[in-house]
Amino acid sequence: MNKVFFLDAYALIFRAYYAFIKNPRINSKGVNTSAIFGFMNSLLDVIQKEKPTHLAIAFDSSAKTFRHDMFPAYKATREATPEDIRKSIPYIKQIIEALEIPMFEVPGYEADDVIGTLAKDFARRDYMVFMMTPDKDYCQLVDTNIFMYKPSRSGSDVEIWGIPEVQRSFEVQFPAQVIDVLGLWGDASDNIPGAPGIGEKTAKKLIKEFGSIESLLQQT
């Protein structure tokens, strides 16, 4: 079976940058190359170890997304991207182009929208799909042929999450219910408020009992 990897560029770039925050990689010209170094290590590592038959990388667009139209305060509390990361992006894209790896960046959409669409499409065509990211939002996409590939960090091993891992982590029957859990729980990093008074534990408990937000509302 063909094996395709889709990489969430910014999730991996930020992860790489902050992994070296206490000991940044500075080149002879005084440029902080932590993001470049860490991202390329992750990319080359997955190519060498996993030997994917297909691979592509998705970037977030700088344009506002449909989520901003629905909720103007979306990500409003996030700090500005560190200057060292912003300066690293063109170099990272140049290296990806030199390696002839396809890149996707769609105005109005985020990398996870692009990867989610591609993952479902390739899975329908019987590919084994791996979404390389540490972002828990991707758990809702996990399916029989779709896995989360969480890169190693600080000496830890790579984690591959399939349906059983998502079921255990979110206490759900199937991955699509992660949408309901996160809907109740909210996401402080994206400035998305959850239901008042409901945190992670209660959100999991309610979806475990009622199955969905719709069912919860109908029965309470």
Foldseek 3Di string as FASTA:
>chain_A
DAAEEEEALVQQLVVQQVLCVVPFDADPVRAGCRSVVRSVVQVVVCCVPVVGPAYAYEAEAPAAAVVCVVPVCFQVPDDDDDPSSVVCVVVNVVVCVVVVHHYDYDHRDGRLVVLLVVQVVVVVVVYQYEYEHPDPVCQLSADPRYWYWYPDGPPDHIDIDHFVNCCVVLVAPGSNQVVQLCQQADDVSRPGDHNPPDHNVNSSVQCNVQVGPVSSVVVD
